[in-house]
N, C-alpha and C. Protein backbone atom coordinates (compact mmCIF):
# COMPACT_ATOMS: atom_id res chain seq x y z
N MET A 1 -17.27 -11.98 -3.12
CA MET A 1 -16.14 -12.79 -3.57
C MET A 1 -14.85 -12.13 -3.19
N ASN A 2 -13.92 -12.86 -2.69
CA ASN A 2 -12.61 -12.31 -2.31
C ASN A 2 -11.72 -12.06 -3.51
N TRP A 3 -10.87 -11.08 -3.37
CA TRP A 3 -9.94 -10.74 -4.41
C TRP A 3 -8.57 -11.35 -4.10
N LYS A 4 -7.84 -11.67 -5.15
CA LYS A 4 -6.49 -12.15 -4.98
C LYS A 4 -5.56 -10.93 -4.83
N VAL A 5 -4.68 -10.97 -3.83
CA VAL A 5 -3.77 -9.86 -3.58
C VAL A 5 -2.36 -10.31 -3.90
N VAL A 6 -1.73 -9.62 -4.85
CA VAL A 6 -0.35 -9.91 -5.24
C VAL A 6 0.50 -8.70 -4.83
N VAL A 7 1.64 -8.98 -4.23
CA VAL A 7 2.48 -7.91 -3.69
C VAL A 7 3.81 -7.90 -4.40
N LEU A 8 4.17 -6.73 -4.93
CA LEU A 8 5.47 -6.59 -5.58
C LEU A 8 6.60 -6.60 -4.51
N PRO A 9 7.76 -7.13 -4.85
CA PRO A 9 8.84 -7.23 -3.84
C PRO A 9 9.24 -5.88 -3.23
N GLU A 10 9.13 -4.81 -3.98
CA GLU A 10 9.50 -3.47 -3.47
C GLU A 10 8.62 -3.09 -2.25
N PHE A 11 7.40 -3.57 -2.23
CA PHE A 11 6.53 -3.27 -1.11
C PHE A 11 7.14 -3.77 0.20
N TYR A 12 7.70 -4.96 0.19
CA TYR A 12 8.30 -5.52 1.39
C TYR A 12 9.47 -4.64 1.87
N SER A 13 10.25 -4.14 0.95
CA SER A 13 11.36 -3.25 1.31
C SER A 13 10.84 -1.97 1.93
N ASP A 14 9.78 -1.42 1.31
CA ASP A 14 9.15 -0.22 1.88
C ASP A 14 8.67 -0.46 3.30
N LEU A 15 8.00 -1.59 3.52
CA LEU A 15 7.45 -1.93 4.81
C LEU A 15 8.57 -2.07 5.85
N GLU A 16 9.63 -2.76 5.47
CA GLU A 16 10.75 -2.96 6.41
C GLU A 16 11.41 -1.63 6.78
N GLU A 17 11.66 -0.81 5.76
CA GLU A 17 12.30 0.48 6.00
C GLU A 17 11.46 1.38 6.93
N ALA A 18 10.18 1.49 6.64
CA ALA A 18 9.32 2.35 7.47
C ALA A 18 9.16 1.75 8.87
N GLY A 19 8.98 0.44 8.94
CA GLY A 19 8.83 -0.22 10.23
C GLY A 19 10.05 -0.05 11.09
N ASP A 20 11.23 -0.18 10.50
CA ASP A 20 12.48 0.04 11.24
C ASP A 20 12.57 1.46 11.76
N TRP A 21 12.17 2.42 10.94
CA TRP A 21 12.21 3.82 11.34
C TRP A 21 11.33 4.05 12.57
N TYR A 22 10.09 3.52 12.53
CA TYR A 22 9.19 3.67 13.64
C TYR A 22 9.71 2.93 14.88
N GLU A 23 10.31 1.77 14.68
CA GLU A 23 10.82 0.99 15.82
C GLU A 23 11.95 1.74 16.52
N HIS A 24 12.77 2.46 15.75
CA HIS A 24 13.85 3.23 16.36
C HIS A 24 13.30 4.44 17.14
N LYS A 25 12.16 4.92 16.74
CA LYS A 25 11.54 6.05 17.44
C LYS A 25 10.95 5.61 18.76
N GLN A 26 10.33 4.42 18.77
CA GLN A 26 9.71 3.89 19.98
C GLN A 26 9.55 2.41 19.87
N GLU A 27 10.01 1.69 20.85
CA GLU A 27 9.92 0.23 20.85
C GLU A 27 8.46 -0.21 20.73
N GLY A 28 8.23 -1.11 19.79
CA GLY A 28 6.88 -1.64 19.54
C GLY A 28 6.10 -0.87 18.51
N LEU A 29 6.53 0.35 18.19
CA LEU A 29 5.79 1.17 17.23
C LEU A 29 5.93 0.61 15.81
N GLY A 30 7.07 0.04 15.50
CA GLY A 30 7.25 -0.58 14.17
C GLY A 30 6.27 -1.73 13.97
N ALA A 31 6.07 -2.54 14.98
CA ALA A 31 5.13 -3.67 14.88
C ALA A 31 3.70 -3.17 14.76
N ARG A 32 3.35 -2.10 15.50
CA ARG A 32 2.00 -1.52 15.36
C ARG A 32 1.77 -0.97 13.94
N PHE A 33 2.81 -0.32 13.41
CA PHE A 33 2.72 0.19 12.04
C PHE A 33 2.49 -0.96 11.08
N ALA A 34 3.27 -2.00 11.16
CA ALA A 34 3.15 -3.17 10.26
C ALA A 34 1.73 -3.78 10.39
N GLY A 35 1.22 -3.84 11.58
CA GLY A 35 -0.12 -4.37 11.79
C GLY A 35 -1.18 -3.53 11.08
N LYS A 36 -1.05 -2.22 11.16
CA LYS A 36 -2.02 -1.34 10.48
C LYS A 36 -1.92 -1.50 8.95
N VAL A 37 -0.72 -1.68 8.45
CA VAL A 37 -0.54 -1.88 7.00
C VAL A 37 -1.16 -3.20 6.58
N LEU A 38 -0.95 -4.23 7.40
CA LEU A 38 -1.51 -5.55 7.09
C LEU A 38 -3.05 -5.51 7.17
N ASP A 39 -3.60 -4.67 8.02
CA ASP A 39 -5.06 -4.49 8.05
C ASP A 39 -5.56 -3.97 6.71
N VAL A 40 -4.83 -3.04 6.10
CA VAL A 40 -5.20 -2.51 4.80
C VAL A 40 -5.15 -3.65 3.77
N TRP A 41 -4.08 -4.43 3.83
CA TRP A 41 -3.88 -5.55 2.92
C TRP A 41 -5.06 -6.51 3.01
N ALA A 42 -5.50 -6.82 4.22
CA ALA A 42 -6.65 -7.72 4.41
C ALA A 42 -7.92 -7.09 3.84
N ASP A 43 -8.08 -5.78 4.01
CA ASP A 43 -9.28 -5.11 3.46
C ASP A 43 -9.27 -5.14 1.92
N LEU A 44 -8.09 -5.10 1.32
CA LEU A 44 -8.00 -5.14 -0.14
C LEU A 44 -8.54 -6.48 -0.67
N ALA A 45 -8.34 -7.55 0.06
CA ALA A 45 -8.82 -8.83 -0.35
C ALA A 45 -10.36 -8.93 -0.33
N VAL A 46 -10.97 -8.10 0.49
CA VAL A 46 -12.42 -8.07 0.57
C VAL A 46 -13.03 -7.14 -0.46
N ASN A 47 -12.56 -5.88 -0.55
CA ASN A 47 -13.10 -4.92 -1.51
C ASN A 47 -12.08 -3.81 -1.72
N PRO A 48 -11.26 -3.92 -2.77
CA PRO A 48 -10.23 -2.91 -3.01
C PRO A 48 -10.77 -1.59 -3.55
N LEU A 49 -12.04 -1.56 -3.97
CA LEU A 49 -12.60 -0.35 -4.53
C LEU A 49 -13.22 0.56 -3.48
N LEU A 50 -13.47 0.00 -2.28
CA LEU A 50 -14.12 0.74 -1.21
C LEU A 50 -13.10 1.62 -0.49
N ASN A 51 -13.48 2.84 -0.20
CA ASN A 51 -12.66 3.80 0.60
C ASN A 51 -11.26 3.98 0.05
N SER A 52 -11.14 4.11 -1.24
CA SER A 52 -9.83 4.33 -1.84
C SER A 52 -9.81 5.62 -2.62
N LYS A 53 -8.65 6.15 -2.79
CA LYS A 53 -8.41 7.33 -3.68
C LYS A 53 -7.92 6.75 -5.00
N LYS A 54 -8.10 7.48 -6.10
CA LYS A 54 -7.71 6.96 -7.42
C LYS A 54 -7.08 8.05 -8.26
N LEU A 55 -6.03 7.66 -8.97
CA LEU A 55 -5.43 8.56 -9.98
C LEU A 55 -6.45 8.70 -11.12
N PRO A 56 -6.67 9.88 -11.61
CA PRO A 56 -7.72 10.10 -12.62
C PRO A 56 -7.51 9.34 -13.94
N ARG A 57 -6.28 9.18 -14.38
CA ARG A 57 -6.07 8.62 -15.71
C ARG A 57 -5.63 7.16 -15.70
N ARG A 58 -5.37 6.62 -14.51
CA ARG A 58 -4.91 5.23 -14.44
C ARG A 58 -5.70 4.53 -13.35
N ASN A 59 -5.67 3.24 -13.37
CA ASN A 59 -6.36 2.48 -12.34
C ASN A 59 -5.46 2.22 -11.16
N ILE A 60 -4.83 3.28 -10.69
CA ILE A 60 -3.94 3.22 -9.53
C ILE A 60 -4.73 3.83 -8.36
N ARG A 61 -4.77 3.09 -7.27
CA ARG A 61 -5.50 3.52 -6.09
C ARG A 61 -4.59 3.47 -4.86
N TRP A 62 -5.07 4.06 -3.78
CA TRP A 62 -4.34 3.94 -2.55
C TRP A 62 -5.27 4.08 -1.37
N ARG A 63 -4.83 3.52 -0.26
CA ARG A 63 -5.50 3.62 1.03
C ARG A 63 -4.47 3.93 2.09
N TYR A 64 -4.96 4.60 3.13
CA TYR A 64 -4.09 4.97 4.23
C TYR A 64 -4.33 4.05 5.43
N PRO A 65 -3.24 3.51 6.01
CA PRO A 65 -3.44 2.77 7.28
C PRO A 65 -3.84 3.72 8.39
N ASP A 66 -4.61 3.24 9.36
CA ASP A 66 -5.02 4.08 10.47
C ASP A 66 -3.83 4.63 11.23
N LYS A 67 -3.84 5.90 11.52
CA LYS A 67 -2.93 6.58 12.43
C LYS A 67 -1.49 6.70 11.95
N PHE A 68 -1.23 6.42 10.66
CA PHE A 68 0.14 6.55 10.15
C PHE A 68 0.08 7.28 8.80
N PRO A 69 1.04 8.20 8.54
CA PRO A 69 1.00 8.98 7.32
C PRO A 69 1.59 8.27 6.09
N TYR A 70 1.17 7.06 5.85
CA TYR A 70 1.65 6.28 4.71
C TYR A 70 0.46 5.89 3.86
N LYS A 71 0.73 5.54 2.60
CA LYS A 71 -0.35 5.03 1.76
C LYS A 71 0.11 3.74 1.09
N VAL A 72 -0.83 2.81 1.02
CA VAL A 72 -0.62 1.55 0.33
C VAL A 72 -1.13 1.79 -1.10
N VAL A 73 -0.24 1.70 -2.07
CA VAL A 73 -0.57 2.01 -3.45
C VAL A 73 -0.73 0.69 -4.21
N TYR A 74 -1.83 0.61 -4.97
CA TYR A 74 -2.13 -0.64 -5.68
C TYR A 74 -2.93 -0.37 -6.94
N CYS A 75 -2.98 -1.35 -7.79
CA CYS A 75 -3.86 -1.29 -8.97
C CYS A 75 -4.83 -2.47 -8.90
N VAL A 76 -5.98 -2.28 -9.53
CA VAL A 76 -7.05 -3.25 -9.49
C VAL A 76 -7.29 -3.76 -10.87
N GLU A 77 -7.27 -5.06 -11.02
CA GLU A 77 -7.60 -5.74 -12.27
C GLU A 77 -8.95 -6.43 -12.07
N GLU A 78 -10.02 -5.70 -12.43
CA GLU A 78 -11.37 -6.16 -12.14
C GLU A 78 -11.73 -7.45 -12.86
N GLU A 79 -11.21 -7.64 -14.06
CA GLU A 79 -11.55 -8.83 -14.86
C GLU A 79 -11.09 -10.12 -14.16
N THR A 80 -9.93 -10.06 -13.53
CA THR A 80 -9.38 -11.24 -12.88
C THR A 80 -9.55 -11.20 -11.35
N LYS A 81 -10.18 -10.15 -10.84
CA LYS A 81 -10.34 -9.98 -9.40
C LYS A 81 -9.01 -10.05 -8.68
N THR A 82 -8.05 -9.28 -9.24
CA THR A 82 -6.68 -9.27 -8.68
C THR A 82 -6.30 -7.84 -8.28
N VAL A 83 -5.65 -7.74 -7.14
CA VAL A 83 -5.11 -6.48 -6.65
C VAL A 83 -3.59 -6.62 -6.63
N VAL A 84 -2.90 -5.70 -7.26
CA VAL A 84 -1.44 -5.71 -7.27
C VAL A 84 -0.97 -4.56 -6.39
N VAL A 85 -0.35 -4.89 -5.25
CA VAL A 85 0.16 -3.88 -4.33
C VAL A 85 1.53 -3.46 -4.83
N ILE A 86 1.65 -2.19 -5.13
CA ILE A 86 2.84 -1.64 -5.78
C ILE A 86 3.83 -1.06 -4.77
N ALA A 87 3.33 -0.32 -3.80
CA ALA A 87 4.26 0.41 -2.92
C ALA A 87 3.60 0.78 -1.63
N LEU A 88 4.44 1.07 -0.67
CA LEU A 88 4.05 1.68 0.59
C LEU A 88 4.86 2.94 0.70
N LEU A 89 4.21 4.10 0.54
CA LEU A 89 4.91 5.37 0.47
C LEU A 89 4.43 6.33 1.54
N HIS A 90 5.34 7.11 2.06
CA HIS A 90 4.96 8.19 2.96
C HIS A 90 4.05 9.13 2.21
N ALA A 91 3.02 9.61 2.83
CA ALA A 91 2.03 10.46 2.18
C ALA A 91 2.64 11.73 1.61
N ALA A 92 3.74 12.22 2.17
CA ALA A 92 4.35 13.45 1.69
C ALA A 92 5.49 13.19 0.71
N ARG A 93 5.77 11.93 0.40
CA ARG A 93 6.88 11.60 -0.48
C ARG A 93 6.60 12.08 -1.89
N HIS A 94 7.62 12.44 -2.61
CA HIS A 94 7.50 12.97 -3.93
C HIS A 94 6.87 11.97 -4.88
N ALA A 95 6.03 12.42 -5.79
CA ALA A 95 5.29 11.57 -6.70
C ALA A 95 6.21 10.83 -7.69
N GLU A 96 7.42 11.28 -7.87
CA GLU A 96 8.33 10.61 -8.81
C GLU A 96 8.61 9.16 -8.43
N VAL A 97 8.65 8.87 -7.14
CA VAL A 97 8.87 7.51 -6.67
C VAL A 97 7.71 6.63 -7.18
N LEU A 98 6.50 7.13 -7.07
CA LEU A 98 5.33 6.37 -7.55
C LEU A 98 5.37 6.22 -9.06
N ARG A 99 5.73 7.27 -9.78
CA ARG A 99 5.78 7.19 -11.26
C ARG A 99 6.75 6.10 -11.70
N LYS A 100 7.89 6.00 -11.05
CA LYS A 100 8.85 4.95 -11.41
C LYS A 100 8.30 3.56 -11.19
N ARG A 101 7.55 3.39 -10.11
CA ARG A 101 6.99 2.06 -9.80
C ARG A 101 5.90 1.63 -10.75
N ILE A 102 5.09 2.59 -11.22
CA ILE A 102 3.94 2.20 -12.04
C ILE A 102 4.23 2.21 -13.52
N ARG A 103 5.39 2.61 -13.94
CA ARG A 103 5.70 2.65 -15.37
C ARG A 103 5.48 1.29 -16.03
N GLY A 104 5.89 0.22 -15.36
CA GLY A 104 5.80 -1.10 -15.97
C GLY A 104 4.43 -1.77 -15.84
N ILE A 105 3.53 -1.09 -15.18
CA ILE A 105 2.20 -1.71 -14.95
C ILE A 105 1.22 -1.28 -16.00
């Protein structure tokens, strides 16, 4: 059964910012980055529990797009088969950004 994927507005800002950065580094790289992120998004609709990392005390998970040091952060609501995509963060970015995003979830 497919899962419903809901994306918070902040995710789109994250994607645009990172994509623009890659595009300025090399023409076409921003589009490749966005494609890899969208691949993760598509995988979440199939099985968000597979190949993911998880915070020990919360149902917050993340996956990495191929070949880019970013993580797609999301939570899983198993009862409703819903995935809420919270953020797209650089893998080395400080955890405080993530804490701010998940406080309301």
